[in-house]
N, C-alpha and C. Protein backbone atom coordinates (compact mmCIF):
# COMPACT_ATOMS: atom_id res chain seq x y z
N UNK A 1 0.83 -1.16 0.00
CA UNK A 1 0.00 0.00 0.00
C UNK A 1 0.89 1.24 0.00
N UNK A 2 0.66 2.08 -0.97
CA UNK A 2 1.47 3.28 -1.12
C UNK A 2 0.93 4.38 -0.20
N UNK A 3 1.84 5.02 0.44
CA UNK A 3 1.46 6.13 1.31
C UNK A 3 1.93 7.41 0.65
N UNK A 4 1.10 8.43 0.67
CA UNK A 4 1.48 9.67 0.03
C UNK A 4 2.67 10.29 0.77
N UNK A 5 3.55 10.85 0.01
CA UNK A 5 4.74 11.48 0.59
C UNK A 5 4.38 12.88 1.06
N UNK A 6 4.75 13.19 2.27
CA UNK A 6 4.55 14.53 2.75
C UNK A 6 5.90 15.11 3.11
N UNK A 7 6.03 16.40 3.01
CA UNK A 7 7.33 17.01 3.29
C UNK A 7 7.69 16.83 4.76
N UNK A 8 8.98 16.80 5.06
CA UNK A 8 9.39 16.67 6.46
C UNK A 8 9.00 17.92 7.24
N UNK A 9 8.82 17.76 8.55
CA UNK A 9 8.46 18.92 9.38
C UNK A 9 9.56 19.98 9.33
N UNK A 10 9.16 21.21 9.34
CA UNK A 10 10.12 22.31 9.25
C UNK A 10 10.29 23.02 10.57
N UNK A 11 10.88 24.22 10.51
CA UNK A 11 11.14 24.98 11.74
C UNK A 11 9.86 25.41 12.45
N UNK A 12 8.77 25.61 11.71
CA UNK A 12 7.51 25.96 12.38
C UNK A 12 7.00 24.80 13.22
N UNK A 13 7.17 23.58 12.71
CA UNK A 13 6.76 22.40 13.48
C UNK A 13 7.61 22.26 14.74
N UNK A 14 8.89 22.57 14.63
CA UNK A 14 9.77 22.48 15.80
C UNK A 14 9.35 23.49 16.86
N UNK A 15 9.00 24.71 16.43
CA UNK A 15 8.53 25.72 17.38
C UNK A 15 7.19 25.32 18.00
N UNK A 16 6.30 24.76 17.18
CA UNK A 16 5.00 24.32 17.70
C UNK A 16 5.18 23.18 18.69
N UNK A 17 6.13 22.27 18.42
CA UNK A 17 6.39 21.16 19.34
C UNK A 17 6.90 21.69 20.67
N UNK A 18 7.84 22.61 20.62
CA UNK A 18 8.39 23.19 21.85
C UNK A 18 7.31 23.92 22.64
N UNK A 19 6.51 24.73 21.96
CA UNK A 19 5.44 25.46 22.62
C UNK A 19 4.41 24.48 23.20
N UNK A 20 4.09 23.42 22.47
CA UNK A 20 3.14 22.43 22.95
C UNK A 20 3.65 21.70 24.18
N UNK A 21 4.92 21.38 24.21
CA UNK A 21 5.50 20.71 25.39
C UNK A 21 5.50 21.63 26.60
N UNK A 22 5.85 22.89 26.39
CA UNK A 22 5.84 23.84 27.50
C UNK A 22 4.42 24.03 28.02
N UNK A 23 3.48 24.19 27.10
CA UNK A 23 2.08 24.37 27.48
C UNK A 23 1.54 23.13 28.18
N UNK A 24 1.85 21.95 27.65
CA UNK A 24 1.41 20.71 28.28
C UNK A 24 1.97 20.54 29.67
N UNK A 25 3.23 20.90 29.87
CA UNK A 25 3.84 20.81 31.19
C UNK A 25 3.19 21.77 32.17
N UNK A 26 2.95 22.99 31.72
CA UNK A 26 2.31 23.97 32.61
C UNK A 26 0.89 23.54 32.96
N UNK A 27 0.15 23.06 31.97
CA UNK A 27 -1.23 22.60 32.23
C UNK A 27 -1.22 21.44 33.23
N UNK A 28 -0.30 20.49 33.06
CA UNK A 28 -0.21 19.38 34.00
C UNK A 28 0.10 19.82 35.41
N UNK A 29 1.04 20.76 35.55
CA UNK A 29 1.38 21.27 36.87
C UNK A 29 0.22 22.04 37.50
N UNK A 30 -0.48 22.84 36.70
CA UNK A 30 -1.62 23.60 37.22
C UNK A 30 -2.73 22.66 37.67
N UNK A 31 -3.00 21.62 36.88
CA UNK A 31 -4.05 20.67 37.27
C UNK A 31 -3.67 19.95 38.56
N UNK A 32 -2.42 19.51 38.66
CA UNK A 32 -1.99 18.83 39.89
C UNK A 32 -2.06 19.78 41.08
N UNK A 33 -1.64 21.02 40.90
CA UNK A 33 -1.71 22.00 41.98
C UNK A 33 -3.15 22.30 42.37
N UNK A 34 -4.03 22.40 41.39
CA UNK A 34 -5.44 22.66 41.69
C UNK A 34 -6.07 21.49 42.43
N UNK A 35 -5.72 20.28 42.06
CA UNK A 35 -6.24 19.11 42.76
C UNK A 35 -5.75 19.07 44.20
N UNK A 36 -4.49 19.45 44.42
CA UNK A 36 -3.97 19.51 45.79
C UNK A 36 -4.66 20.62 46.59
N UNK A 37 -4.82 21.76 45.95
CA UNK A 37 -5.40 22.92 46.62
C UNK A 37 -6.85 22.67 47.03
N UNK A 38 -7.60 21.94 46.17
CA UNK A 38 -9.00 21.65 46.48
C UNK A 38 -9.14 20.50 47.48
N UNK A 39 -8.06 19.81 47.77
CA UNK A 39 -8.11 18.72 48.73
C UNK A 39 -8.33 17.36 48.11
N UNK A 40 -8.37 17.28 46.78
CA UNK A 40 -8.56 16.01 46.11
C UNK A 40 -7.31 15.13 46.21
N UNK A 41 -6.16 15.77 46.41
CA UNK A 41 -4.89 15.04 46.57
C UNK A 41 -4.27 15.41 47.91
N UNK A 42 -3.73 14.42 48.58
CA UNK A 42 -2.94 14.69 49.79
C UNK A 42 -1.52 15.00 49.35
N UNK A 43 -0.70 15.40 50.28
CA UNK A 43 0.69 15.71 49.96
C UNK A 43 1.42 14.47 49.44
N UNK A 44 1.11 13.33 50.04
CA UNK A 44 1.74 12.08 49.61
C UNK A 44 1.33 11.72 48.19
N UNK A 45 0.03 11.83 47.88
CA UNK A 45 -0.41 11.50 46.52
C UNK A 45 0.08 12.53 45.51
N UNK A 46 0.21 13.78 45.91
CA UNK A 46 0.77 14.79 45.02
C UNK A 46 2.22 14.43 44.68
N UNK A 47 2.97 13.98 45.68
CA UNK A 47 4.34 13.55 45.41
C UNK A 47 4.38 12.38 44.45
N UNK A 48 3.46 11.42 44.63
CA UNK A 48 3.38 10.28 43.71
C UNK A 48 3.04 10.74 42.29
N UNK A 49 2.10 11.66 42.20
CA UNK A 49 1.70 12.17 40.88
C UNK A 49 2.89 12.85 40.21
N UNK A 50 3.63 13.65 40.96
CA UNK A 50 4.76 14.38 40.37
C UNK A 50 5.92 13.46 39.99
N UNK A 51 6.17 12.44 40.79
CA UNK A 51 7.32 11.57 40.53
C UNK A 51 7.01 10.46 39.55
N UNK A 52 5.83 9.87 39.66
CA UNK A 52 5.53 8.69 38.84
C UNK A 52 4.62 8.99 37.65
N UNK A 53 3.63 9.82 37.82
CA UNK A 53 2.65 10.02 36.75
C UNK A 53 2.95 11.20 35.84
N UNK A 54 3.53 12.26 36.35
CA UNK A 54 3.80 13.44 35.52
C UNK A 54 4.76 13.14 34.37
N UNK A 55 5.84 12.37 34.57
CA UNK A 55 6.69 12.04 33.42
C UNK A 55 5.96 11.22 32.35
N UNK A 56 5.09 10.32 32.77
CA UNK A 56 4.31 9.54 31.80
C UNK A 56 3.36 10.45 31.03
N UNK A 57 2.77 11.40 31.72
CA UNK A 57 1.90 12.39 31.07
C UNK A 57 2.70 13.18 30.03
N UNK A 58 3.90 13.60 30.37
CA UNK A 58 4.72 14.37 29.42
C UNK A 58 5.10 13.53 28.20
N UNK A 59 5.35 12.25 28.39
CA UNK A 59 5.64 11.37 27.26
C UNK A 59 4.42 11.26 26.35
N UNK A 60 3.24 11.14 26.95
CA UNK A 60 2.02 11.07 26.15
C UNK A 60 1.81 12.37 25.35
N UNK A 61 2.08 13.51 25.98
CA UNK A 61 1.97 14.79 25.28
C UNK A 61 2.97 14.83 24.12
N UNK A 62 4.19 14.37 24.35
CA UNK A 62 5.20 14.37 23.30
C UNK A 62 4.80 13.47 22.13
N UNK A 63 4.25 12.32 22.44
CA UNK A 63 3.82 11.40 21.38
C UNK A 63 2.69 12.02 20.56
N UNK A 64 1.70 12.58 21.23
CA UNK A 64 0.59 13.19 20.51
C UNK A 64 1.04 14.36 19.64
N UNK A 65 1.92 15.18 20.17
CA UNK A 65 2.43 16.31 19.39
C UNK A 65 3.26 15.84 18.20
N UNK A 66 4.08 14.81 18.39
CA UNK A 66 4.92 14.34 17.29
C UNK A 66 4.09 13.75 16.17
N UNK A 67 3.02 13.03 16.50
CA UNK A 67 2.15 12.48 15.47
C UNK A 67 1.40 13.62 14.77
N UNK A 68 0.89 14.55 15.52
CA UNK A 68 0.12 15.65 14.96
C UNK A 68 0.97 16.54 14.04
N UNK A 69 2.23 16.75 14.42
CA UNK A 69 3.10 17.64 13.65
C UNK A 69 3.89 16.93 12.55
N UNK A 70 3.74 15.62 12.44
CA UNK A 70 4.38 14.91 11.33
C UNK A 70 5.75 14.36 11.63
N UNK A 71 6.12 14.23 12.88
CA UNK A 71 7.41 13.64 13.23
C UNK A 71 7.36 12.12 13.31
N UNK A 72 6.16 11.53 13.19
CA UNK A 72 6.02 10.09 13.33
C UNK A 72 6.61 9.37 12.11
N UNK A 73 7.09 8.21 12.32
CA UNK A 73 7.67 7.38 11.26
C UNK A 73 6.90 6.08 11.21
N UNK A 74 6.89 5.44 10.05
CA UNK A 74 6.23 4.15 9.93
C UNK A 74 7.20 3.16 9.29
N UNK A 75 6.70 2.03 8.91
CA UNK A 75 7.55 0.96 8.37
C UNK A 75 8.26 1.40 7.10
N UNK A 76 7.64 2.28 6.32
CA UNK A 76 8.27 2.71 5.06
C UNK A 76 9.50 3.58 5.31
N UNK A 77 9.67 4.08 6.53
CA UNK A 77 10.83 4.91 6.85
C UNK A 77 12.05 4.08 7.24
N UNK A 78 11.86 2.79 7.44
CA UNK A 78 12.95 1.93 7.88
C UNK A 78 13.85 1.55 6.70
N UNK A 79 15.13 1.44 6.97
CA UNK A 79 16.09 1.00 5.97
C UNK A 79 16.83 -0.21 6.52
N UNK A 80 17.22 -1.12 5.65
CA UNK A 80 17.98 -2.27 6.15
C UNK A 80 19.35 -1.84 6.67
N UNK A 81 19.82 -2.57 7.65
CA UNK A 81 21.13 -2.30 8.23
C UNK A 81 22.08 -3.42 7.79
N UNK A 82 23.21 -3.03 7.27
CA UNK A 82 24.20 -3.99 6.81
C UNK A 82 25.46 -3.90 7.65
N UNK A 83 26.05 -5.04 7.93
CA UNK A 83 27.33 -5.07 8.62
C UNK A 83 28.42 -5.27 7.59
N UNK A 84 29.53 -4.59 7.82
CA UNK A 84 30.67 -4.80 6.93
C UNK A 84 31.52 -5.93 7.52
N UNK A 85 31.97 -6.84 6.68
CA UNK A 85 32.80 -7.93 7.17
C UNK A 85 34.21 -7.43 7.40
N UNK A 86 34.80 -7.89 8.48
CA UNK A 86 36.17 -7.44 8.81
C UNK A 86 37.16 -8.51 8.49
């Protein structure tokens, strides 16, 4: 199955990715802070959220942004790897 060729992401995509990551990080921190402030999270659970869940959230944001902005690769992007005999 042929996939249409699209141009590689340019400098605008790089700026959008950076802005999206910064915005996603700030939104995540604000939500966690608001949950703590309202009493939905204790200090212990806030620590767990920041240490264990926040990095996973940032990875999910990065994946979504990379797919949306065209940084994703598929099987057609793979090339065979050859070893040279010594």
